Amino acid sequence: MASKPTHEVFFVKDLGKDKKGFWTKIGAAWQHKETTGMQLKLDLLPTDLGAGDLVILEAKAEDEEKAA
């Protein structure tokens, strides 16, 4: 896992109807080169997993993050 992660892992807590979820970055993921799977590295694990969703998104390029 020496390379940079290809994806970021978030926990999105459901705040109820008509409200946006609360997003917390909890780790990273690397796309496998040989297969269709991924390897996850979680920095924390929410104790209330039933109150939200795990979301994996492509990692942003460093240039995009600096511009934001």
N, C-alpha and C. Protein backbone atom coordinates (compact mmCIF):
# COMPACT_ATOMS: atom_id res chain seq x y z
N MET A 1 0.82 -1.20 0.00
CA MET A 1 0.00 0.00 0.00
C MET A 1 0.87 1.26 0.00
N ALA A 2 1.98 1.23 -0.66
CA ALA A 2 2.86 2.39 -0.67
C ALA A 2 2.33 3.52 -1.56
N SER A 3 1.52 3.18 -2.55
CA SER A 3 1.00 4.21 -3.44
C SER A 3 -0.12 5.00 -2.78
N LYS A 4 -0.45 6.12 -3.38
CA LYS A 4 -1.55 6.95 -2.87
C LYS A 4 -2.87 6.23 -3.07
N PRO A 5 -3.82 6.43 -2.15
CA PRO A 5 -5.12 5.78 -2.30
C PRO A 5 -5.85 6.26 -3.55
N THR A 6 -6.60 5.36 -4.15
CA THR A 6 -7.40 5.72 -5.32
C THR A 6 -8.78 6.22 -4.93
N HIS A 7 -9.20 5.91 -3.70
CA HIS A 7 -10.53 6.28 -3.22
C HIS A 7 -10.48 6.73 -1.76
N GLU A 8 -11.51 7.45 -1.34
CA GLU A 8 -11.66 7.87 0.04
C GLU A 8 -12.92 7.21 0.61
N VAL A 9 -12.88 6.86 1.90
CA VAL A 9 -14.01 6.20 2.55
C VAL A 9 -14.63 7.17 3.55
N PHE A 10 -15.96 7.33 3.46
CA PHE A 10 -16.70 8.24 4.33
C PHE A 10 -17.81 7.48 5.04
N PHE A 11 -18.17 7.97 6.23
CA PHE A 11 -19.39 7.54 6.90
C PHE A 11 -20.36 8.71 6.81
N VAL A 12 -21.53 8.47 6.24
CA VAL A 12 -22.53 9.53 6.08
C VAL A 12 -23.68 9.22 7.03
N LYS A 13 -23.78 10.02 8.10
CA LYS A 13 -24.81 9.82 9.11
C LYS A 13 -26.12 10.45 8.64
N ASP A 14 -27.18 9.67 8.71
CA ASP A 14 -28.51 10.13 8.32
C ASP A 14 -29.04 11.07 9.40
N LEU A 15 -29.39 12.28 9.01
CA LEU A 15 -29.90 13.27 9.96
C LEU A 15 -31.41 13.45 9.89
N GLY A 16 -32.06 12.59 9.14
CA GLY A 16 -33.52 12.66 9.05
C GLY A 16 -33.99 13.19 7.71
N LYS A 17 -35.29 13.13 7.55
CA LYS A 17 -35.92 13.54 6.30
C LYS A 17 -35.65 15.03 6.02
N ASP A 18 -35.41 15.34 4.77
CA ASP A 18 -35.20 16.71 4.29
C ASP A 18 -33.92 17.37 4.85
N LYS A 19 -33.01 16.59 5.39
CA LYS A 19 -31.74 17.14 5.88
C LYS A 19 -30.60 16.42 5.20
N LYS A 20 -29.54 17.14 4.90
CA LYS A 20 -28.35 16.52 4.32
C LYS A 20 -27.65 15.70 5.38
N GLY A 21 -27.01 14.62 4.96
CA GLY A 21 -26.26 13.78 5.88
C GLY A 21 -24.99 14.47 6.35
N PHE A 22 -24.45 13.99 7.46
CA PHE A 22 -23.20 14.52 8.01
C PHE A 22 -22.08 13.59 7.56
N TRP A 23 -21.13 14.11 6.76
CA TRP A 23 -20.06 13.31 6.16
C TRP A 23 -18.80 13.39 7.01
N THR A 24 -18.23 12.21 7.31
CA THR A 24 -16.97 12.13 8.04
C THR A 24 -16.04 11.19 7.28
N LYS A 25 -14.85 11.68 6.94
CA LYS A 25 -13.87 10.82 6.26
C LYS A 25 -13.29 9.87 7.31
N ILE A 26 -13.37 8.56 7.01
CA ILE A 26 -12.91 7.59 7.99
C ILE A 26 -11.79 6.69 7.47
N GLY A 27 -11.38 6.86 6.21
CA GLY A 27 -10.31 6.02 5.71
C GLY A 27 -10.06 6.19 4.23
N ALA A 28 -9.35 5.22 3.68
CA ALA A 28 -8.96 5.26 2.28
C ALA A 28 -9.08 3.87 1.67
N ALA A 29 -9.06 3.82 0.34
CA ALA A 29 -9.16 2.54 -0.37
C ALA A 29 -8.25 2.57 -1.59
N TRP A 30 -7.75 1.39 -1.94
CA TRP A 30 -6.89 1.24 -3.10
C TRP A 30 -7.52 0.24 -4.05
N GLN A 31 -7.65 0.63 -5.31
CA GLN A 31 -8.18 -0.25 -6.35
C GLN A 31 -7.15 -1.33 -6.65
N HIS A 32 -7.57 -2.59 -6.71
CA HIS A 32 -6.68 -3.68 -7.08
C HIS A 32 -6.34 -3.56 -8.57
N LYS A 33 -5.10 -3.82 -8.90
CA LYS A 33 -4.69 -3.73 -10.31
C LYS A 33 -5.06 -4.99 -11.08
N GLU A 34 -5.01 -6.14 -10.41
CA GLU A 34 -5.25 -7.41 -11.09
C GLU A 34 -6.71 -7.84 -11.10
N THR A 35 -7.51 -7.35 -10.14
CA THR A 35 -8.90 -7.78 -10.05
C THR A 35 -9.82 -6.57 -9.89
N THR A 36 -11.10 -6.82 -9.70
CA THR A 36 -12.06 -5.72 -9.57
C THR A 36 -12.27 -5.28 -8.14
N GLY A 37 -11.54 -5.87 -7.18
CA GLY A 37 -11.74 -5.55 -5.77
C GLY A 37 -10.97 -4.33 -5.30
N MET A 38 -11.11 -4.05 -4.00
CA MET A 38 -10.43 -2.92 -3.37
C MET A 38 -9.88 -3.37 -2.02
N GLN A 39 -8.88 -2.65 -1.55
CA GLN A 39 -8.36 -2.84 -0.21
C GLN A 39 -8.68 -1.59 0.60
N LEU A 40 -9.28 -1.78 1.78
CA LEU A 40 -9.69 -0.65 2.62
C LEU A 40 -8.76 -0.50 3.81
N LYS A 41 -8.51 0.74 4.19
CA LYS A 41 -7.78 1.08 5.42
C LYS A 41 -8.66 2.08 6.15
N LEU A 42 -9.24 1.66 7.27
CA LEU A 42 -10.11 2.53 8.04
C LEU A 42 -9.35 3.09 9.23
N ASP A 43 -9.41 4.40 9.41
CA ASP A 43 -8.78 5.06 10.54
C ASP A 43 -9.68 5.03 11.77
N LEU A 44 -10.97 4.89 11.54
CA LEU A 44 -11.92 4.74 12.64
C LEU A 44 -13.13 4.00 12.13
N LEU A 45 -13.88 3.44 13.06
CA LEU A 45 -15.08 2.71 12.73
C LEU A 45 -16.23 3.26 13.57
N PRO A 46 -17.24 3.83 12.93
CA PRO A 46 -18.36 4.41 13.68
C PRO A 46 -19.06 3.35 14.53
N THR A 47 -19.43 3.71 15.73
CA THR A 47 -20.14 2.78 16.61
C THR A 47 -21.61 2.68 16.24
N ASP A 48 -22.11 3.64 15.49
CA ASP A 48 -23.53 3.65 15.09
C ASP A 48 -23.68 3.40 13.59
N LEU A 49 -23.09 2.32 13.10
CA LEU A 49 -23.13 2.01 11.67
C LEU A 49 -24.55 1.94 11.11
N GLY A 50 -25.52 1.54 11.92
CA GLY A 50 -26.90 1.45 11.46
C GLY A 50 -27.54 2.80 11.22
N ALA A 51 -26.89 3.88 11.67
CA ALA A 51 -27.47 5.22 11.54
C ALA A 51 -27.00 5.95 10.28
N GLY A 52 -26.32 5.23 9.39
CA GLY A 52 -25.83 5.88 8.19
C GLY A 52 -25.30 4.87 7.19
N ASP A 53 -24.48 5.37 6.26
CA ASP A 53 -23.94 4.54 5.18
C ASP A 53 -22.45 4.74 5.05
N LEU A 54 -21.75 3.70 4.60
CA LEU A 54 -20.36 3.84 4.19
C LEU A 54 -20.36 4.20 2.71
N VAL A 55 -19.61 5.22 2.34
CA VAL A 55 -19.56 5.68 0.96
C VAL A 55 -18.10 5.72 0.52
N ILE A 56 -17.82 5.15 -0.63
CA ILE A 56 -16.47 5.17 -1.19
C ILE A 56 -16.50 5.98 -2.47
N LEU A 57 -15.69 7.05 -2.49
CA LEU A 57 -15.62 7.94 -3.66
C LEU A 57 -14.19 7.99 -4.18
N GLU A 58 -14.07 8.23 -5.48
CA GLU A 58 -12.74 8.40 -6.06
C GLU A 58 -12.02 9.54 -5.36
N ALA A 59 -10.74 9.35 -5.08
CA ALA A 59 -9.95 10.39 -4.44
C ALA A 59 -9.78 11.56 -5.40
N LYS A 60 -9.86 12.76 -4.86
CA LYS A 60 -9.65 13.95 -5.67
C LYS A 60 -8.17 14.13 -5.95
N ALA A 61 -7.86 14.69 -7.10
CA ALA A 61 -6.48 15.02 -7.41
C ALA A 61 -6.03 16.16 -6.50
N GLU A 62 -4.76 16.19 -6.13
CA GLU A 62 -4.26 17.23 -5.23
C GLU A 62 -4.50 18.63 -5.76
N ASP A 63 -4.40 18.82 -7.06
CA ASP A 63 -4.62 20.15 -7.66
C ASP A 63 -6.06 20.61 -7.45
N GLU A 64 -7.04 19.68 -7.55
CA GLU A 64 -8.44 20.02 -7.35
C GLU A 64 -8.68 20.41 -5.90
N GLU A 65 -8.05 19.71 -4.94
CA GLU A 65 -8.25 20.00 -3.53
C GLU A 65 -7.70 21.37 -3.17
N LYS A 66 -6.55 21.72 -3.73
CA LYS A 66 -5.93 23.02 -3.43
C LYS A 66 -6.75 24.17 -4.02
N ALA A 67 -7.42 23.93 -5.16
CA ALA A 67 -8.21 24.97 -5.80
C ALA A 67 -9.53 25.20 -5.06
N ALA A 68 -10.00 24.17 -4.35
CA ALA A 68 -11.31 24.27 -3.67
C ALA A 68 -11.27 25.11 -2.42
